[in-house]
Amino acid sequence: MRPVAILLTLALLAGCGADGEPVQPTMNAGVAVGAGGVHPYGGVGLHRGPFSVFMGF
C-alpha cells in the first residue's frame, strides 16, 4: 500500500506544478460488454519526458 501512496503523491505534485511547469494528465474510460457482463474500465496517467505514471481502474 505504501508504494501506491508514494506514486499518487508524486503524480499529484507533478500535476499541480509544485516542481516546475504543470503537466496535463491523460485519462481514458470506457465500458466493456461481454459474456461475463458489463465492466467499466479506465485510468489516469502523467507523462513527462521519459517517465510515465499510469493508474488503471
N, C-alpha and C. Protein backbone atom coordinates (compact mmCIF):
# COMPACT_ATOMS: atom_id res chain seq x y z
N MET A 1 0.83 -1.20 0.00
CA MET A 1 0.00 0.00 0.00
C MET A 1 0.87 1.26 0.00
N ARG A 2 1.99 1.22 0.70
CA ARG A 2 2.84 2.40 0.80
C ARG A 2 3.39 2.85 -0.55
N PRO A 3 3.85 1.94 -1.45
CA PRO A 3 4.34 2.39 -2.76
C PRO A 3 3.26 3.09 -3.58
N VAL A 4 2.01 2.64 -3.46
CA VAL A 4 0.92 3.27 -4.20
C VAL A 4 0.71 4.70 -3.70
N ALA A 5 0.77 4.90 -2.39
CA ALA A 5 0.61 6.24 -1.82
C ALA A 5 1.73 7.16 -2.28
N ILE A 6 2.95 6.63 -2.35
CA ILE A 6 4.08 7.44 -2.80
C ILE A 6 3.90 7.83 -4.26
N LEU A 7 3.49 6.88 -5.10
CA LEU A 7 3.27 7.19 -6.52
C LEU A 7 2.16 8.22 -6.70
N LEU A 8 1.09 8.09 -5.95
CA LEU A 8 -0.01 9.06 -6.05
C LEU A 8 0.44 10.45 -5.61
N THR A 9 1.25 10.52 -4.56
CA THR A 9 1.76 11.80 -4.10
C THR A 9 2.65 12.45 -5.15
N LEU A 10 3.54 11.67 -5.74
CA LEU A 10 4.42 12.22 -6.79
C LEU A 10 3.61 12.66 -8.01
N ALA A 11 2.59 11.89 -8.38
CA ALA A 11 1.75 12.27 -9.51
C ALA A 11 1.00 13.56 -9.22
N LEU A 12 0.51 13.71 -8.00
CA LEU A 12 -0.19 14.93 -7.62
C LEU A 12 0.74 16.13 -7.66
N LEU A 13 1.95 15.99 -7.14
CA LEU A 13 2.91 17.09 -7.17
C LEU A 13 3.29 17.48 -8.60
N ALA A 14 3.50 16.51 -9.46
CA ALA A 14 3.83 16.80 -10.85
C ALA A 14 2.66 17.45 -11.56
N GLY A 15 1.46 17.01 -11.25
CA GLY A 15 0.26 17.54 -11.90
C GLY A 15 -0.06 18.97 -11.50
N CYS A 16 0.27 19.36 -10.28
CA CYS A 16 -0.08 20.71 -9.83
C CYS A 16 1.02 21.71 -10.11
N GLY A 17 2.19 21.24 -10.54
CA GLY A 17 3.26 22.16 -10.88
C GLY A 17 4.15 22.55 -9.72
N ALA A 18 4.13 21.78 -8.62
CA ALA A 18 4.95 22.12 -7.46
C ALA A 18 6.44 22.02 -7.77
N ASP A 19 6.82 21.19 -8.73
CA ASP A 19 8.24 21.03 -9.06
C ASP A 19 8.60 21.66 -10.39
N GLY A 20 7.78 22.53 -10.91
CA GLY A 20 8.04 23.18 -12.20
C GLY A 20 6.74 23.43 -12.93
N GLU A 21 6.81 23.44 -14.24
CA GLU A 21 5.63 23.67 -15.05
C GLU A 21 4.62 22.53 -14.88
N PRO A 22 3.31 22.83 -14.77
CA PRO A 22 2.31 21.78 -14.60
C PRO A 22 2.29 20.82 -15.78
N VAL A 23 1.97 19.57 -15.49
CA VAL A 23 1.86 18.53 -16.51
C VAL A 23 0.39 18.18 -16.64
N GLN A 24 -0.13 18.21 -17.85
CA GLN A 24 -1.54 17.88 -18.05
C GLN A 24 -1.71 16.36 -18.03
N PRO A 25 -2.60 15.85 -17.17
CA PRO A 25 -2.81 14.41 -17.10
C PRO A 25 -3.59 13.91 -18.31
N THR A 26 -3.46 12.62 -18.57
CA THR A 26 -4.25 11.96 -19.61
C THR A 26 -5.25 11.04 -18.92
N MET A 27 -6.38 10.81 -19.58
CA MET A 27 -7.41 9.96 -18.99
C MET A 27 -8.08 9.16 -20.08
N ASN A 28 -8.44 7.93 -19.77
CA ASN A 28 -9.28 7.15 -20.66
C ASN A 28 -10.30 6.40 -19.83
N ALA A 29 -11.44 6.12 -20.42
CA ALA A 29 -12.51 5.41 -19.72
C ALA A 29 -13.40 4.75 -20.75
N GLY A 30 -14.06 3.71 -20.32
CA GLY A 30 -14.97 3.02 -21.23
C GLY A 30 -15.73 1.93 -20.53
N VAL A 31 -16.51 1.22 -21.30
CA VAL A 31 -17.32 0.11 -20.79
C VAL A 31 -17.12 -1.06 -21.73
N ALA A 32 -16.81 -2.21 -21.16
CA ALA A 32 -16.66 -3.44 -21.94
C ALA A 32 -17.88 -4.31 -21.71
N VAL A 33 -18.46 -4.82 -22.80
CA VAL A 33 -19.62 -5.69 -22.71
C VAL A 33 -19.23 -7.04 -23.30
N GLY A 34 -19.44 -8.09 -22.53
CA GLY A 34 -19.09 -9.42 -22.99
C GLY A 34 -19.98 -10.46 -22.36
N ALA A 35 -19.59 -11.72 -22.52
CA ALA A 35 -20.37 -12.83 -21.99
C ALA A 35 -20.43 -12.79 -20.46
N GLY A 36 -19.40 -12.23 -19.83
CA GLY A 36 -19.36 -12.13 -18.38
C GLY A 36 -20.12 -10.95 -17.81
N GLY A 37 -20.68 -10.11 -18.66
CA GLY A 37 -21.44 -8.94 -18.20
C GLY A 37 -20.81 -7.64 -18.66
N VAL A 38 -21.19 -6.58 -17.99
CA VAL A 38 -20.72 -5.23 -18.32
C VAL A 38 -19.68 -4.82 -17.28
N HIS A 39 -18.52 -4.34 -17.76
CA HIS A 39 -17.43 -3.95 -16.87
C HIS A 39 -16.89 -2.58 -17.26
N PRO A 40 -16.94 -1.62 -16.33
CA PRO A 40 -16.32 -0.32 -16.61
C PRO A 40 -14.80 -0.41 -16.43
N TYR A 41 -14.06 0.42 -17.16
CA TYR A 41 -12.61 0.48 -17.02
C TYR A 41 -12.15 1.90 -17.28
N GLY A 42 -10.94 2.18 -16.88
CA GLY A 42 -10.38 3.50 -17.14
C GLY A 42 -9.05 3.66 -16.45
N GLY A 43 -8.50 4.84 -16.58
CA GLY A 43 -7.22 5.12 -15.96
C GLY A 43 -6.83 6.57 -16.13
N VAL A 44 -5.87 6.98 -15.32
CA VAL A 44 -5.34 8.33 -15.35
C VAL A 44 -3.82 8.22 -15.38
N GLY A 45 -3.18 9.04 -16.20
CA GLY A 45 -1.73 8.98 -16.30
C GLY A 45 -1.09 10.34 -16.44
N LEU A 46 0.19 10.37 -16.12
CA LEU A 46 1.02 11.57 -16.30
C LEU A 46 2.25 11.16 -17.08
N HIS A 47 2.61 11.97 -18.06
CA HIS A 47 3.79 11.70 -18.88
C HIS A 47 4.67 12.94 -18.90
N ARG A 48 5.94 12.75 -18.57
CA ARG A 48 6.89 13.87 -18.59
C ARG A 48 8.25 13.31 -19.00
N GLY A 49 8.70 13.69 -20.18
CA GLY A 49 9.97 13.18 -20.68
C GLY A 49 9.94 11.67 -20.80
N PRO A 50 10.95 11.00 -20.30
CA PRO A 50 10.99 9.54 -20.41
C PRO A 50 10.18 8.84 -19.31
N PHE A 51 9.58 9.59 -18.39
CA PHE A 51 8.87 8.99 -17.27
C PHE A 51 7.37 9.02 -17.50
N SER A 52 6.70 7.98 -17.04
CA SER A 52 5.27 7.86 -17.20
C SER A 52 4.69 7.14 -15.98
N VAL A 53 3.58 7.65 -15.46
CA VAL A 53 2.88 7.03 -14.35
C VAL A 53 1.43 6.85 -14.80
N PHE A 54 0.91 5.63 -14.66
CA PHE A 54 -0.46 5.35 -15.07
C PHE A 54 -1.14 4.52 -14.00
N MET A 55 -2.32 4.92 -13.59
CA MET A 55 -3.11 4.17 -12.61
C MET A 55 -4.42 3.77 -13.29
N GLY A 56 -4.65 2.48 -13.42
CA GLY A 56 -5.86 1.98 -14.06
C GLY A 56 -6.87 1.50 -13.03
N PHE A 57 -8.12 1.53 -13.41
CA PHE A 57 -9.19 1.00 -12.57
C PHE A 57 -10.22 0.31 -13.42
